[in-house]
Amino acid sequence: MALTNEETPKNEENAPPESPKSQKDGWDRSDIVAKWVSAVGTPLVIGVGSWLIQKSISEQSAQIQKSIAEQSLAKDYVGFAINIVDRFF
């Protein structure tokens, strides 16, 4: 019994149906990208944010130290001036 052209099995018809997991649409791809971005981006944002905060605190601390030094120097100058005035009067 010979098969005619119409009766020959086609590869597409005999192929097993694709599972839903193997068919990826735009949402699945965006989900994968979002997971990678969150896995890499979150620590990166926290690290950069922490660095910026630390830098700001360090700059403020340096400004405060400078201000204290300037006030101390001014206090010493006033004390020196008072001693000079007391010697002559």
N, C-alpha and C. Protein backbone atom coordinates (compact mmCIF):
# COMPACT_ATOMS: atom_id res chain seq x y z
N MET A 1 0.83 -1.15 0.00
CA MET A 1 0.00 0.00 0.00
C MET A 1 0.90 1.24 0.00
N ALA A 2 0.86 2.00 -1.02
CA ALA A 2 1.69 3.17 -1.20
C ALA A 2 0.95 4.41 -0.72
N LEU A 3 1.69 5.28 -0.11
CA LEU A 3 1.08 6.53 0.38
C LEU A 3 1.11 7.56 -0.73
N THR A 4 0.04 8.23 -0.88
CA THR A 4 0.01 9.30 -1.85
C THR A 4 0.61 10.55 -1.24
N ASN A 5 0.77 11.55 -2.06
CA ASN A 5 1.37 12.81 -1.61
C ASN A 5 0.53 13.43 -0.51
N GLU A 6 -0.78 13.26 -0.57
CA GLU A 6 -1.66 13.84 0.44
C GLU A 6 -1.57 13.09 1.75
N GLU A 7 -1.21 11.83 1.71
CA GLU A 7 -1.18 11.01 2.91
C GLU A 7 0.19 11.00 3.58
N THR A 8 1.22 11.57 2.97
CA THR A 8 2.54 11.55 3.57
C THR A 8 2.54 12.46 4.79
N PRO A 9 3.12 11.98 5.85
CA PRO A 9 3.13 12.81 7.07
C PRO A 9 4.08 13.98 6.88
N LYS A 10 3.65 15.12 7.36
CA LYS A 10 4.48 16.32 7.30
C LYS A 10 5.18 16.50 8.64
N ASN A 11 6.36 17.06 8.58
CA ASN A 11 7.14 17.25 9.80
C ASN A 11 6.42 18.18 10.77
N GLU A 12 5.75 19.21 10.25
CA GLU A 12 5.08 20.15 11.14
C GLU A 12 3.93 19.49 11.88
N GLU A 13 3.23 18.59 11.21
CA GLU A 13 2.08 17.95 11.84
C GLU A 13 2.53 16.94 12.88
N ASN A 14 3.65 16.28 12.66
CA ASN A 14 4.11 15.25 13.57
C ASN A 14 4.98 15.80 14.70
N ALA A 15 5.41 17.04 14.57
CA ALA A 15 6.27 17.63 15.60
C ALA A 15 5.46 17.80 16.88
N PRO A 16 6.08 17.56 17.99
CA PRO A 16 5.35 17.74 19.25
C PRO A 16 5.04 19.23 19.44
N PRO A 17 3.91 19.53 20.03
CA PRO A 17 3.58 20.94 20.25
C PRO A 17 4.57 21.56 21.22
N GLU A 18 4.90 22.83 20.96
CA GLU A 18 5.85 23.52 21.83
C GLU A 18 5.20 23.76 23.18
N SER A 19 6.00 23.57 24.19
CA SER A 19 5.47 23.81 25.54
C SER A 19 5.34 25.31 25.76
N PRO A 20 4.47 25.73 26.66
CA PRO A 20 4.31 27.16 26.92
C PRO A 20 5.60 27.82 27.40
N LYS A 21 6.48 27.07 28.05
CA LYS A 21 7.72 27.64 28.55
C LYS A 21 8.68 27.97 27.42
N SER A 22 8.62 27.22 26.31
CA SER A 22 9.56 27.48 25.23
C SER A 22 9.11 28.64 24.36
N GLN A 23 7.87 29.06 24.46
CA GLN A 23 7.37 30.21 23.71
C GLN A 23 7.47 31.43 24.59
N LYS A 24 8.45 32.27 24.31
CA LYS A 24 8.66 33.47 25.14
C LYS A 24 8.19 34.68 24.38
N ASP A 25 7.32 35.42 25.02
CA ASP A 25 6.86 36.65 24.40
C ASP A 25 7.58 37.83 25.04
N GLY A 26 7.17 39.02 24.69
CA GLY A 26 7.83 40.23 25.20
C GLY A 26 7.77 40.35 26.71
N TRP A 27 6.68 39.88 27.31
CA TRP A 27 6.54 39.98 28.77
C TRP A 27 7.53 39.07 29.48
N ASP A 28 7.74 37.89 28.93
CA ASP A 28 8.71 36.98 29.54
C ASP A 28 10.12 37.55 29.44
N ARG A 29 10.44 38.11 28.30
CA ARG A 29 11.77 38.70 28.13
C ARG A 29 11.95 39.91 29.05
N SER A 30 10.91 40.73 29.15
CA SER A 30 11.01 41.89 30.03
C SER A 30 11.13 41.46 31.48
N ASP A 31 10.51 40.34 31.84
CA ASP A 31 10.63 39.82 33.20
C ASP A 31 12.06 39.40 33.49
N ILE A 32 12.69 38.75 32.52
CA ILE A 32 14.08 38.33 32.68
C ILE A 32 14.99 39.54 32.81
N VAL A 33 14.79 40.53 31.95
CA VAL A 33 15.61 41.75 32.01
C VAL A 33 15.39 42.47 33.33
N ALA A 34 14.15 42.56 33.78
CA ALA A 34 13.85 43.24 35.05
C ALA A 34 14.52 42.54 36.22
N LYS A 35 14.57 41.23 36.20
CA LYS A 35 15.23 40.50 37.29
C LYS A 35 16.73 40.79 37.29
N TRP A 36 17.35 40.83 36.11
CA TRP A 36 18.77 41.14 36.04
C TRP A 36 19.05 42.57 36.47
N VAL A 37 18.21 43.49 36.02
CA VAL A 37 18.41 44.88 36.39
C VAL A 37 18.27 45.06 37.90
N SER A 38 17.27 44.39 38.48
CA SER A 38 17.10 44.53 39.92
C SER A 38 18.23 43.84 40.68
N ALA A 39 18.72 42.74 40.16
CA ALA A 39 19.81 42.02 40.84
C ALA A 39 21.11 42.82 40.80
N VAL A 40 21.35 43.52 39.71
CA VAL A 40 22.58 44.30 39.58
C VAL A 40 22.36 45.74 40.01
N GLY A 41 21.22 46.30 39.67
CA GLY A 41 20.96 47.71 39.93
C GLY A 41 20.78 48.06 41.39
N THR A 42 20.11 47.20 42.14
CA THR A 42 19.84 47.52 43.54
C THR A 42 21.13 47.69 44.34
N PRO A 43 22.05 46.75 44.30
CA PRO A 43 23.31 46.97 45.04
C PRO A 43 24.10 48.16 44.51
N LEU A 44 24.02 48.38 43.21
CA LEU A 44 24.74 49.51 42.62
C LEU A 44 24.18 50.84 43.12
N VAL A 45 22.86 50.96 43.13
CA VAL A 45 22.22 52.19 43.61
C VAL A 45 22.50 52.40 45.10
N ILE A 46 22.44 51.34 45.88
CA ILE A 46 22.72 51.45 47.32
C ILE A 46 24.18 51.86 47.53
N GLY A 47 25.09 51.27 46.77
CA GLY A 47 26.51 51.61 46.91
C GLY A 47 26.80 53.05 46.54
N VAL A 48 26.26 53.50 45.41
CA VAL A 48 26.49 54.88 44.98
C VAL A 48 25.84 55.86 45.95
N GLY A 49 24.62 55.54 46.39
CA GLY A 49 23.94 56.40 47.36
C GLY A 49 24.71 56.51 48.66
N SER A 50 25.21 55.39 49.15
CA SER A 50 25.99 55.40 50.38
C SER A 50 27.27 56.21 50.22
N TRP A 51 27.90 56.08 49.07
CA TRP A 51 29.14 56.83 48.81
C TRP A 51 28.85 58.33 48.80
N LEU A 52 27.75 58.73 48.15
CA LEU A 52 27.40 60.15 48.10
C LEU A 52 27.09 60.71 49.49
N ILE A 53 26.37 59.94 50.29
CA ILE A 53 26.06 60.38 51.65
C ILE A 53 27.33 60.51 52.47
N GLN A 54 28.20 59.50 52.37
CA GLN A 54 29.46 59.54 53.12
C GLN A 54 30.32 60.71 52.69
N LYS A 55 30.35 61.00 51.40
CA LYS A 55 31.12 62.13 50.88
C LYS A 55 30.57 63.44 51.43
N SER A 56 29.26 63.57 51.47
CA SER A 56 28.63 64.78 51.99
C SER A 56 28.94 64.96 53.47
N ILE A 57 28.85 63.89 54.23
CA ILE A 57 29.15 63.96 55.66
C ILE A 57 30.62 64.33 55.88
N SER A 58 31.49 63.76 55.09
CA SER A 58 32.92 64.05 55.21
C SER A 58 33.22 65.52 54.90
N GLU A 59 32.57 66.05 53.86
CA GLU A 59 32.77 67.46 53.51
C GLU A 59 32.24 68.38 54.62
N GLN A 60 31.09 68.05 55.18
CA GLN A 60 30.54 68.85 56.27
C GLN A 60 31.45 68.80 57.48
N SER A 61 31.99 67.62 57.77
CA SER A 61 32.89 67.48 58.91
C SER A 61 34.15 68.32 58.71
N ALA A 62 34.67 68.32 57.49
CA ALA A 62 35.86 69.13 57.20
C ALA A 62 35.56 70.62 57.35
N GLN A 63 34.37 71.05 56.91
CA GLN A 63 34.00 72.46 57.05
C GLN A 63 33.85 72.83 58.52
N ILE A 64 33.28 71.95 59.31
CA ILE A 64 33.12 72.22 60.75
C ILE A 64 34.48 72.31 61.42
N GLN A 65 35.39 71.39 61.08
CA GLN A 65 36.74 71.41 61.66
C GLN A 65 37.46 72.71 61.30
N LYS A 66 37.30 73.15 60.06
CA LYS A 66 37.93 74.39 59.61
C LYS A 66 37.35 75.58 60.37
N SER A 67 36.04 75.60 60.55
CA SER A 67 35.39 76.68 61.26
C SER A 67 35.84 76.73 62.72
N ILE A 68 35.96 75.56 63.34
CA ILE A 68 36.43 75.51 64.73
C ILE A 68 37.86 76.03 64.82
N ALA A 69 38.70 75.66 63.88
CA ALA A 69 40.10 76.12 63.87
C ALA A 69 40.17 77.64 63.69
N GLU A 70 39.33 78.17 62.78
CA GLU A 70 39.32 79.62 62.57
C GLU A 70 38.84 80.36 63.81
N GLN A 71 37.81 79.83 64.48
CA GLN A 71 37.31 80.47 65.70
C GLN A 71 38.33 80.40 66.82
N SER A 72 39.04 79.29 66.90
CA SER A 72 40.08 79.16 67.92
C SER A 72 41.21 80.15 67.67
N LEU A 73 41.59 80.30 66.41
CA LEU A 73 42.63 81.26 66.06
C LEU A 73 42.17 82.69 66.37
N ALA A 74 40.93 83.00 66.04
CA ALA A 74 40.40 84.33 66.34
C ALA A 74 40.37 84.58 67.85
N LYS A 75 40.02 83.56 68.61
CA LYS A 75 40.00 83.68 70.07
C LYS A 75 41.41 83.95 70.59
N ASP A 76 42.40 83.25 70.03
CA ASP A 76 43.79 83.47 70.45
C ASP A 76 44.25 84.89 70.12
N TYR A 77 43.88 85.39 68.94
CA TYR A 77 44.23 86.76 68.56
C TYR A 77 43.60 87.78 69.51
N VAL A 78 42.35 87.57 69.88
CA VAL A 78 41.68 88.49 70.80
C VAL A 78 42.36 88.45 72.16
N GLY A 79 42.69 87.24 72.62
CA GLY A 79 43.40 87.12 73.89
C GLY A 79 44.75 87.80 73.85
N PHE A 80 45.47 87.66 72.75
CA PHE A 80 46.77 88.31 72.58
C PHE A 80 46.61 89.83 72.58
N ALA A 81 45.57 90.33 71.89
CA ALA A 81 45.32 91.78 71.84
C ALA A 81 44.96 92.30 73.23
N ILE A 82 44.19 91.56 73.98
CA ILE A 82 43.82 91.99 75.34
C ILE A 82 45.06 92.06 76.23
N ASN A 83 45.97 91.10 76.10
CA ASN A 83 47.21 91.13 76.88
C ASN A 83 48.04 92.35 76.54
N ILE A 84 48.11 92.71 75.26
CA ILE A 84 48.88 93.89 74.85
C ILE A 84 48.25 95.15 75.44
N VAL A 85 46.94 95.25 75.35
CA VAL A 85 46.24 96.43 75.89
C VAL A 85 46.43 96.51 77.40
N ASP A 86 46.34 95.39 78.10
CA ASP A 86 46.51 95.39 79.57
C ASP A 86 47.91 95.82 79.97
N ARG A 87 48.93 95.52 79.19
CA ARG A 87 50.29 95.88 79.53
C ARG A 87 50.50 97.40 79.46
N PHE A 88 49.84 98.01 78.51
CA PHE A 88 50.07 99.45 78.34
C PHE A 88 49.12 100.30 79.16
N PHE A 89 48.05 99.78 79.64
CA PHE A 89 47.11 100.60 80.38
C PHE A 89 46.93 100.13 81.77
